[in-house]
Amino acid sequence: MAFANPSPAAIAALLRSARVIAVVGLSDNPHRPSYEVAAALLDYGYRIIPVSPALSVWEGIRAVPDLDHVADALSPGEHVDIVDVFRQPQHVDDIVADCLRLRFPALWLQLGVINESAAERAVAGGMTVVMDKCIKVERMRMG
């Protein structure tokens, strides 16, 4: 079965209900798409958890080196709603394995991050998956 993104209504519902977004591959370079997108998500009121072994802090927010350490950045009662990925497609298999093990509910693979088999595995594991779409653009569409 081929992977298919959720409907536009389902994507909007996901973005409306989400509060905490872990951004994997976030860069501290303001000219990188990951920085621009994460900054826009902050402006929309989401809590961002930067996930990058190269960062200790991003825009005053404590970063974690990998998804296994995301829980260290959460406040009591908080949970990750979406894992937003800015990594090359060959890294997505490992990210999906981590997401499934850690029971994260949704995976967002940014524009150009396409790994059909990993996306299908995530869906089969119960995750909502959006692939090859920009979370900032989809959020902007909602107004």
Protein backbone atom coordinates (compact mmCIF):
# COMPACT_ATOMS: atom_id res chain seq x y z
CA MET A 1 0.00 0.00 0.00
CA ALA A 2 1.40 3.40 -0.98
CA PHE A 3 1.72 6.16 1.56
CA ALA A 4 -0.79 9.01 1.36
CA ASN A 5 -0.83 12.19 3.44
CA PRO A 6 -3.82 12.88 5.69
CA SER A 7 -6.57 15.06 4.25
CA PRO A 8 -6.17 18.86 4.49
CA ALA A 9 -8.86 18.84 7.21
CA ALA A 10 -6.97 16.20 9.20
CA ILE A 11 -3.71 18.16 8.85
CA ALA A 12 -5.47 21.32 10.08
CA ALA A 13 -6.95 19.40 13.03
CA LEU A 14 -3.48 18.07 13.92
CA LEU A 15 -2.00 21.57 13.86
CA ARG A 16 -4.92 22.98 15.88
CA SER A 17 -4.60 20.37 18.61
CA ALA A 18 -0.78 20.34 18.82
CA ARG A 19 1.04 22.32 21.52
CA VAL A 20 4.59 20.90 21.65
CA ILE A 21 6.69 20.28 18.53
CA ALA A 22 10.10 18.62 18.65
CA VAL A 23 12.15 19.90 15.70
CA VAL A 24 14.75 17.34 14.63
CA GLY A 25 17.70 18.83 12.77
CA LEU A 26 17.06 22.40 13.90
CA SER A 27 19.85 24.77 12.91
CA ASP A 28 20.93 27.94 14.69
CA ASN A 29 21.66 29.54 11.29
CA PRO A 30 18.81 32.03 10.60
CA HIS A 31 19.21 31.40 6.85
CA ARG A 32 18.34 27.71 7.14
CA PRO A 33 14.74 26.57 6.54
CA SER A 34 14.62 24.74 9.90
CA TYR A 35 15.37 27.98 11.75
CA GLU A 36 12.79 29.97 9.78
CA VAL A 37 10.09 27.35 10.25
CA ALA A 38 10.75 26.86 13.97
CA ALA A 39 10.71 30.63 14.54
CA ALA A 40 7.36 30.85 12.73
CA LEU A 41 5.96 28.00 14.84
CA LEU A 42 7.04 29.88 17.98
CA ASP A 43 5.17 32.93 16.68
CA TYR A 44 2.07 30.76 16.26
CA GLY A 45 2.32 29.84 19.94
CA TYR A 46 3.75 26.33 19.75
CA ARG A 47 6.36 25.22 22.24
CA ILE A 48 9.47 24.15 20.36
CA ILE A 49 11.94 21.55 21.57
CA PRO A 50 15.13 21.83 19.49
CA VAL A 51 16.59 18.38 18.76
CA SER A 52 20.18 18.60 17.53
CA PRO A 53 23.45 17.22 18.88
CA ALA A 54 25.15 20.40 17.58
CA LEU A 55 23.12 22.77 19.79
CA SER A 56 22.85 23.33 23.52
CA VAL A 57 20.44 26.26 23.15
CA TRP A 58 18.34 27.66 20.30
CA GLU A 59 16.83 31.13 20.71
CA GLY A 60 17.07 30.80 24.48
CA ILE A 61 15.41 27.38 24.47
CA ARG A 62 17.37 24.43 25.80
CA ALA A 63 18.13 21.94 23.05
CA VAL A 64 18.40 18.16 23.42
CA PRO A 65 20.79 15.96 21.43
CA ASP A 66 18.25 13.36 20.28
CA LEU A 67 14.67 12.18 20.66
CA ASP A 68 15.60 10.01 23.65
CA HIS A 69 16.30 13.19 25.61
CA VAL A 70 13.12 15.08 24.67
CA ALA A 71 11.46 14.08 27.94
CA ASP A 72 14.21 16.00 29.78
CA ALA A 73 12.94 19.23 28.18
CA LEU A 74 9.26 18.68 28.97
CA SER A 75 7.43 20.18 31.92
CA PRO A 76 5.27 17.88 34.06
CA GLY A 77 2.13 16.97 32.14
CA GLU A 78 3.59 18.03 28.78
CA HIS A 79 4.05 15.64 25.88
CA VAL A 80 5.31 15.93 22.32
CA ASP A 81 2.48 16.28 19.84
CA ILE A 82 4.50 16.40 16.59
CA VAL A 83 8.05 15.45 15.65
CA ASP A 84 9.02 17.77 12.77
CA VAL A 85 11.99 16.46 10.76
CA PHE A 86 14.61 18.48 8.89
CA ARG A 87 17.01 15.63 8.08
CA GLN A 88 18.00 13.81 4.92
CA PRO A 89 15.63 10.97 3.93
CA GLN A 90 18.20 8.27 4.76
CA HIS A 91 17.99 9.29 8.45
CA VAL A 92 14.21 8.91 8.64
CA ASP A 93 14.26 5.14 9.26
CA ASP A 94 16.07 5.64 12.57
CA ILE A 95 13.86 8.62 13.48
CA VAL A 96 10.73 6.54 12.88
CA ALA A 97 12.13 3.72 15.03
CA ASP A 98 12.75 6.24 17.84
CA CYS A 99 9.29 7.81 17.44
CA LEU A 100 7.57 4.43 17.61
CA ARG A 101 9.62 3.31 20.62
CA LEU A 102 8.93 6.61 22.42
CA ARG A 103 5.25 6.52 21.38
CA PHE A 104 5.15 9.96 19.77
CA PRO A 105 1.77 10.45 18.08
CA ALA A 106 2.69 12.37 14.91
CA LEU A 107 5.60 12.69 12.51
CA TRP A 108 6.02 15.58 10.07
CA LEU A 109 8.58 15.15 7.29
CA GLN A 110 9.38 18.55 5.79
CA LEU A 111 9.47 19.40 2.08
CA GLY A 112 11.92 17.14 0.29
CA VAL A 113 12.16 14.69 3.20
CA ILE A 114 10.65 11.67 1.47
CA ASN A 115 10.97 8.12 2.76
CA GLU A 116 7.85 6.17 1.82
CA SER A 117 8.76 2.92 3.56
CA ALA A 118 9.57 4.70 6.83
CA ALA A 119 6.35 6.73 6.60
CA GLU A 120 4.34 3.55 6.01
CA ARG A 121 6.04 1.90 9.01
CA ALA A 122 5.14 4.89 11.20
CA VAL A 123 1.49 4.79 10.06
CA ALA A 124 1.37 1.02 10.64
CA GLY A 125 2.68 1.73 14.15
CA GLY A 126 -0.22 4.07 14.84
CA MET A 127 1.37 7.44 14.07
CA THR A 128 -0.14 10.26 12.05
CA VAL A 129 2.37 11.08 9.31
CA VAL A 130 2.65 14.08 7.01
CA MET A 131 5.39 13.83 4.38
CA ASP A 132 6.93 16.29 1.91
CA LYS A 133 4.96 19.29 3.20
CA CYS A 134 6.10 22.39 5.06
CA ILE A 135 4.49 22.68 8.50
CA LYS A 136 4.83 26.48 8.37
CA VAL A 137 2.99 26.69 5.03
CA GLU A 138 0.22 24.36 6.26
CA ARG A 139 -0.15 26.39 9.46
CA MET A 140 -0.28 29.66 7.46
CA ARG A 141 -3.13 28.23 5.36
CA MET A 142 -5.23 27.99 8.51
CA GLY A 143 -5.02 31.75 9.05
